[in-house]
Amino acid sequence: MSSEFSDAALARLLKAGQDAVTAKERVAVVPLPGGRQYALVDCGGQMDSVIQPLNVNVNVKTIPEPARNHVLTTAADVVEFATHYASDENPVVIWVDEPFIRVCFDQNRLLGDGATYQFKLTGEFAQLVEFSKRTSSSEFTQPQLLTALRTDFWECFDRNEVRDGLITSLRRVSAQQTRSLGQGSGSYESSIVADGQTEKWPDRFIFKLPVFTDTSVNTDVNVQIVFNVDAERQKFALWPTKASIKKAGEDALEAAHDLILNQLESAPNITVFRGEPIAVKNGEVDF
């Protein structure tokens, strides 16, 4: 807008500038040295306009303050952040969904103020997600599978006797003599000849492991593993069922939601939801 500024008008302008800062429309009126001139300064510190008290037309602009999008490192920080900032004037909404927990200030939706916490998968669960695609990454030679079972997946079996029996059988395998004994329902019921005897392999077993690296929301989930033996190619495969991978992810998210909800249940001015705010699109936070 255009206006002529008297001293009284300038005083009102100064007051408007202060109010604008409070309202997060960052504009400052700064006196210039050497005379009765003043500058409008935007939120980046750049001079926007120069004005004089009397008989000068000027365009007054308000510059929105950039959104403050904080990044949190644990789910426990989400609880602390929400508790610290929630008030009657500034209610907080927490959205829990993969891959983010998003903390929003309910009355500042357009500004996008808030904080984000991103879930990170454990290395073991990330491997199982990849194995569920049944690509070559899920296949192992006998030495490779022995190494994987004794390192990456050592703590993942729900029953140690299954792990130990599988490792014992793998160690007896002779790579020179292999044969297949036919098919069972849903997976190969194969045997590999070892030291003159036939090995019987488990059809499937259960892995029990955490989905997320964050210890504050860790909970063990079950993943069903189909164990496939390709005797002709002398390869073994671990195939997590897609249904159990999906359920494991949902169970882990539900556990994270419940943990945060339980800790904030009695906290005033904080609401916790499963899902994502409408501003999150295609897995990326977009304000």
Protein backbone atom coordinates (compact mmCIF):
# COMPACT_ATOMS: atom_id res chain seq x y z
CA MET A 1 0.00 0.00 0.00
CA SER A 2 1.10 3.63 -0.44
CA SER A 3 0.94 6.22 2.38
CA GLU A 4 2.34 9.58 3.52
CA PHE A 5 4.11 9.31 6.84
CA SER A 6 3.92 11.91 9.61
CA ASP A 7 5.79 11.36 12.89
CA ALA A 8 2.64 9.83 14.33
CA ALA A 9 2.27 7.56 11.29
CA LEU A 10 5.89 6.48 11.66
CA ALA A 11 5.26 5.59 15.30
CA ARG A 12 2.33 3.49 14.22
CA LEU A 13 4.50 1.87 11.56
CA LEU A 14 7.16 1.03 14.14
CA LYS A 15 4.47 -0.54 16.33
CA ALA A 16 3.16 -2.49 13.32
CA GLY A 17 6.67 -3.73 12.63
CA GLN A 18 6.98 -5.01 16.18
CA ASP A 19 3.60 -6.70 15.96
CA ALA A 20 4.58 -8.27 12.64
CA VAL A 21 7.68 -9.79 14.19
CA THR A 22 5.52 -11.26 16.95
CA ALA A 23 3.15 -12.67 14.33
CA LYS A 24 6.09 -14.26 12.46
CA GLU A 25 5.74 -11.84 9.53
CA ARG A 26 9.27 -10.59 10.01
CA VAL A 27 9.65 -6.91 9.12
CA ALA A 28 11.77 -4.40 11.04
CA VAL A 29 11.92 -0.61 10.83
CA VAL A 30 15.48 0.56 11.50
CA PRO A 31 16.71 4.19 11.82
CA LEU A 32 19.53 5.08 9.40
CA PRO A 33 22.54 7.18 10.49
CA GLY A 34 22.87 10.77 9.30
CA GLY A 35 19.26 11.83 9.15
CA ARG A 36 15.61 11.16 9.75
CA GLN A 37 15.42 8.19 7.40
CA TYR A 38 14.35 4.68 8.20
CA ALA A 39 14.71 1.33 6.45
CA LEU A 40 12.36 -1.60 6.22
CA VAL A 41 14.49 -4.74 6.68
CA ASP A 42 13.31 -8.23 5.71
CA CYS A 43 13.88 -11.48 7.62
CA GLY A 44 17.12 -12.12 5.77
CA GLY A 45 18.62 -8.81 6.90
CA GLN A 46 18.24 -7.15 3.49
CA MET A 47 17.00 -3.57 3.17
CA ASP A 48 13.62 -3.58 1.50
CA SER A 49 12.70 0.13 1.35
CA VAL A 50 13.85 3.51 2.67
CA ILE A 51 11.25 5.87 4.12
CA GLN A 52 11.14 9.38 5.54
CA PRO A 53 8.72 10.66 8.16
CA LEU A 54 6.99 13.22 5.93
CA ASN A 55 5.52 13.27 2.44
CA VAL A 56 7.13 10.10 1.05
CA ASN A 57 5.20 7.35 -0.68
CA VAL A 58 6.41 3.86 0.24
CA ASN A 59 5.39 0.25 -0.32
CA VAL A 60 5.20 -1.61 2.99
CA LYS A 61 5.83 -5.37 2.76
CA THR A 62 5.62 -8.11 5.33
CA ILE A 63 8.01 -11.04 4.81
CA PRO A 64 6.88 -14.44 6.17
CA GLU A 65 9.42 -15.99 8.50
CA PRO A 66 10.83 -19.29 7.20
CA ALA A 67 9.30 -22.35 8.84
CA ARG A 68 11.31 -23.82 11.69
CA ASN A 69 11.46 -27.54 10.91
CA HIS A 70 13.46 -29.18 13.67
CA VAL A 71 14.99 -32.65 13.26
CA LEU A 72 14.80 -35.00 16.24
CA THR A 73 17.13 -37.97 16.75
CA THR A 74 15.00 -40.34 18.87
CA ALA A 75 11.34 -40.99 19.55
CA ALA A 76 12.00 -40.01 23.17
CA ASP A 77 12.92 -36.53 21.86
CA VAL A 78 9.44 -36.34 20.31
CA VAL A 79 7.89 -36.60 23.77
CA GLU A 80 10.27 -33.99 25.22
CA PHE A 81 9.76 -31.59 22.31
CA ALA A 82 5.97 -31.82 22.41
CA THR A 83 5.85 -31.42 26.19
CA HIS A 84 8.16 -28.41 26.08
CA TYR A 85 6.23 -26.45 23.43
CA ALA A 86 2.59 -27.41 24.00
CA SER A 87 0.40 -24.71 25.57
CA ASP A 88 -3.17 -23.43 25.50
CA GLU A 89 -2.17 -20.94 22.80
CA ASN A 90 -0.05 -23.48 20.91
CA PRO A 91 -1.60 -26.99 20.94
CA VAL A 92 0.56 -29.78 19.51
CA VAL A 93 -0.48 -32.67 17.25
CA ILE A 94 1.77 -35.72 16.79
CA TRP A 95 1.37 -37.95 13.73
CA VAL A 96 2.96 -41.41 13.78
CA ASP A 97 3.51 -43.25 10.50
CA GLU A 98 6.38 -44.80 8.56
CA PRO A 99 8.85 -43.28 7.78
CA PHE A 100 8.21 -40.22 10.01
CA ILE A 101 6.87 -39.05 13.32
CA ARG A 102 5.76 -35.46 12.70
CA VAL A 103 5.13 -32.93 15.48
CA CYS A 104 2.90 -30.05 14.31
CA PHE A 105 1.82 -26.84 16.00
CA ASP A 106 -1.90 -26.94 15.33
CA GLN A 107 -2.35 -23.18 14.92
CA ASN A 108 0.65 -22.72 12.61
CA ARG A 109 -0.20 -25.17 9.86
CA LEU A 110 0.65 -22.83 6.99
CA LEU A 111 3.99 -21.84 8.52
CA GLY A 112 5.00 -25.47 8.91
CA ASP A 113 6.63 -24.98 12.30
CA GLY A 114 7.29 -28.25 14.06
CA ALA A 115 9.69 -31.18 14.19
CA THR A 116 10.31 -34.44 12.38
CA TYR A 117 11.72 -37.76 13.56
CA GLN A 118 12.58 -40.37 10.92
CA PHE A 119 12.45 -44.07 11.69
CA LYS A 120 15.52 -46.09 10.68
CA LEU A 121 15.37 -49.82 10.04
CA THR A 122 17.79 -52.17 11.73
CA GLY A 123 20.29 -53.75 9.36
CA GLU A 124 18.78 -57.19 9.87
CA PHE A 125 15.20 -56.11 9.14
CA ALA A 126 16.32 -54.07 6.12
CA GLN A 127 17.96 -57.24 4.75
CA LEU A 128 14.77 -59.22 5.28
CA VAL A 129 12.75 -56.59 3.42
CA GLU A 130 15.14 -57.00 0.50
CA PHE A 131 15.05 -60.82 0.76
CA SER A 132 11.24 -60.76 0.57
CA LYS A 133 11.57 -59.58 -3.05
CA ARG A 134 13.12 -63.00 -3.82
CA THR A 135 15.95 -61.60 -5.86
CA SER A 136 19.49 -62.99 -5.99
CA SER A 137 20.27 -61.08 -2.78
CA SER A 138 18.30 -63.71 -0.82
CA GLU A 139 20.40 -66.60 -2.16
CA PHE A 140 23.50 -68.02 -0.47
CA THR A 141 26.13 -70.61 -1.08
CA GLN A 142 26.81 -72.94 1.83
CA PRO A 143 29.77 -70.87 3.16
CA GLN A 144 27.85 -67.59 2.71
CA LEU A 145 24.81 -68.86 4.60
CA LEU A 146 26.96 -70.23 7.42
CA THR A 147 28.58 -66.80 7.77
CA ALA A 148 25.23 -64.99 7.71
CA LEU A 149 23.69 -67.27 10.34
CA ARG A 150 26.71 -66.94 12.63
CA THR A 151 26.90 -63.13 12.32
CA ASP A 152 24.01 -61.02 11.02
CA PHE A 153 21.19 -63.39 12.04
CA TRP A 154 22.69 -65.08 15.12
CA GLU A 155 20.32 -63.30 17.53
CA CYS A 156 17.29 -63.44 15.23
CA PHE A 157 16.01 -67.00 15.69
CA ASP A 158 13.09 -67.36 18.06
CA ARG A 159 14.44 -70.82 18.98
CA ASN A 160 18.18 -71.32 19.29
CA GLU A 161 17.89 -75.07 18.68
CA VAL A 162 16.58 -74.37 15.16
CA ARG A 163 19.57 -72.13 14.45
CA ASP A 164 22.07 -74.60 15.91
CA GLY A 165 20.56 -77.55 14.01
CA LEU A 166 20.63 -75.64 10.75
CA ILE A 167 24.27 -74.67 11.24
CA THR A 168 25.19 -78.28 12.05
CA SER A 169 23.49 -79.55 8.90
CA LEU A 170 25.15 -76.89 6.74
CA ARG A 171 28.57 -77.86 8.04
CA ARG A 172 28.00 -81.47 6.95
CA VAL A 173 27.04 -80.54 3.43
CA SER A 174 29.29 -81.79 0.66
CA ALA A 175 29.09 -79.50 -2.33
CA GLN A 176 30.13 -82.36 -4.68
CA GLN A 177 27.08 -84.59 -4.12
CA THR A 178 23.65 -83.00 -4.35
CA ARG A 179 20.23 -84.19 -5.34
CA SER A 180 16.63 -83.06 -4.95
CA LEU A 181 13.98 -85.32 -3.42
CA GLY A 182 10.94 -83.55 -4.84
CA GLN A 183 8.57 -80.77 -3.91
CA GLY A 184 6.39 -80.11 -0.91
CA SER A 185 3.47 -77.71 -0.62
CA GLY A 186 4.54 -74.10 -0.96
CA SER A 187 8.30 -74.64 -0.95
CA TYR A 188 10.97 -77.13 -1.99
CA GLU A 189 11.39 -80.04 0.38
CA SER A 190 14.95 -80.66 -0.74
CA SER A 191 17.75 -82.70 0.69
CA ILE A 192 21.48 -82.48 0.11
CA VAL A 193 23.66 -85.53 0.50
CA ALA A 194 26.38 -85.04 3.10
CA ASP A 195 28.98 -87.54 4.26
CA GLY A 196 26.91 -90.47 3.11
CA GLN A 197 23.71 -89.38 4.82
CA THR A 198 20.72 -87.33 3.74
CA GLU A 199 20.11 -83.99 5.45
CA LYS A 200 16.57 -82.93 6.22
CA TRP A 201 16.04 -79.19 6.06
CA PRO A 202 13.36 -77.15 7.86
CA ASP A 203 10.57 -75.93 5.63
CA ARG A 204 10.28 -72.63 7.50
CA PHE A 205 11.14 -70.99 10.81
CA ILE A 206 10.58 -67.75 12.72
CA PHE A 207 12.90 -64.78 13.14
CA LYS A 208 12.22 -62.56 16.15
CA LEU A 209 13.89 -59.15 15.88
CA PRO A 210 13.40 -55.37 16.27
CA VAL A 211 12.34 -53.33 13.24
CA PHE A 212 13.78 -49.93 14.24
CA THR A 213 17.23 -48.95 15.50
CA ASP A 214 15.81 -46.54 18.10
CA THR A 215 16.02 -48.32 21.46
CA SER A 216 13.30 -46.06 22.90
CA VAL A 217 10.68 -47.71 20.64
CA ASN A 218 12.29 -51.12 20.13
CA THR A 219 9.94 -54.07 20.24
CA ASP A 220 10.60 -57.53 18.83
CA VAL A 221 8.35 -58.71 16.02
CA ASN A 222 7.98 -62.10 14.33
CA VAL A 223 8.91 -62.67 10.67
CA GLN A 224 8.18 -66.01 9.04
CA ILE A 225 11.10 -67.28 6.92
CA VAL A 226 10.65 -69.84 4.14
CA PHE A 227 13.89 -71.84 3.83
CA ASN A 228 14.50 -72.89 0.24
CA VAL A 229 17.14 -75.33 -0.95
CA ASP A 230 18.00 -75.45 -4.65
CA ALA A 231 19.97 -78.72 -4.81
CA GLU A 232 20.69 -78.45 -8.51
CA ARG A 233 22.23 -74.99 -8.23
CA GLN A 234 23.69 -75.73 -4.79
CA LYS A 235 22.08 -72.57 -3.38
CA PHE A 236 20.12 -71.82 -0.24
CA ALA A 237 17.61 -68.97 0.13
CA LEU A 238 15.91 -67.13 3.00
CA TRP A 239 12.49 -65.92 1.85
CA PRO A 240 10.56 -63.85 4.41
CA THR A 241 6.86 -63.92 3.59
CA LYS A 242 5.61 -60.54 2.43
CA ALA A 243 2.60 -60.75 4.73
CA SER A 244 4.79 -61.20 7.81
CA ILE A 245 7.11 -58.35 6.73
CA LYS A 246 4.12 -56.03 6.36
CA LYS A 247 2.64 -57.13 9.70
CA ALA A 248 6.02 -56.68 11.43
CA GLY A 249 6.25 -53.09 10.19
CA GLU A 250 2.70 -52.35 11.30
CA ASP A 251 3.26 -53.93 14.71
CA ALA A 252 6.42 -51.85 15.23
CA LEU A 253 4.63 -48.62 14.26
CA GLU A 254 1.71 -49.45 16.54
CA ALA A 255 4.14 -50.07 19.40
CA ALA A 256 5.83 -46.69 18.77
CA HIS A 257 2.44 -44.96 18.68
CA ASP A 258 1.30 -46.65 21.90
CA LEU A 259 4.55 -45.79 23.68
CA ILE A 260 4.25 -42.09 22.82
CA LEU A 261 0.52 -42.05 23.56
CA ASN A 262 1.03 -43.65 26.98
CA GLN A 263 3.72 -41.15 27.92
CA LEU A 264 1.61 -38.17 26.82
CA GLU A 265 -1.85 -39.43 27.76
CA SER A 266 -2.22 -37.00 30.65
CA ALA A 267 -0.29 -34.15 29.00
CA PRO A 268 -2.53 -31.15 28.22
CA ASN A 269 -2.77 -29.68 24.70
CA ILE A 270 -1.15 -32.69 22.98
CA THR A 271 -2.96 -35.12 20.67
CA VAL A 272 -1.40 -38.26 19.15
CA PHE A 273 -2.66 -39.87 15.91
CA ARG A 274 -1.67 -42.74 13.64
CA GLY A 275 -1.25 -41.50 10.08
CA GLU A 276 0.34 -38.49 8.43
CA PRO A 277 -0.60 -34.82 8.04
CA ILE A 278 -1.92 -33.91 4.62
CA ALA A 279 1.23 -31.89 3.87
CA VAL A 280 3.31 -35.10 3.75
CA LYS A 281 3.30 -36.38 0.18
CA ASN A 282 5.08 -39.31 -1.46
CA GLY A 283 7.00 -40.09 1.71
CA GLU A 284 8.57 -36.64 1.90
CA VAL A 285 7.65 -33.85 4.26
CA ASP A 286 6.36 -31.00 2.12
CA PHE A 287 5.34 -27.78 3.82
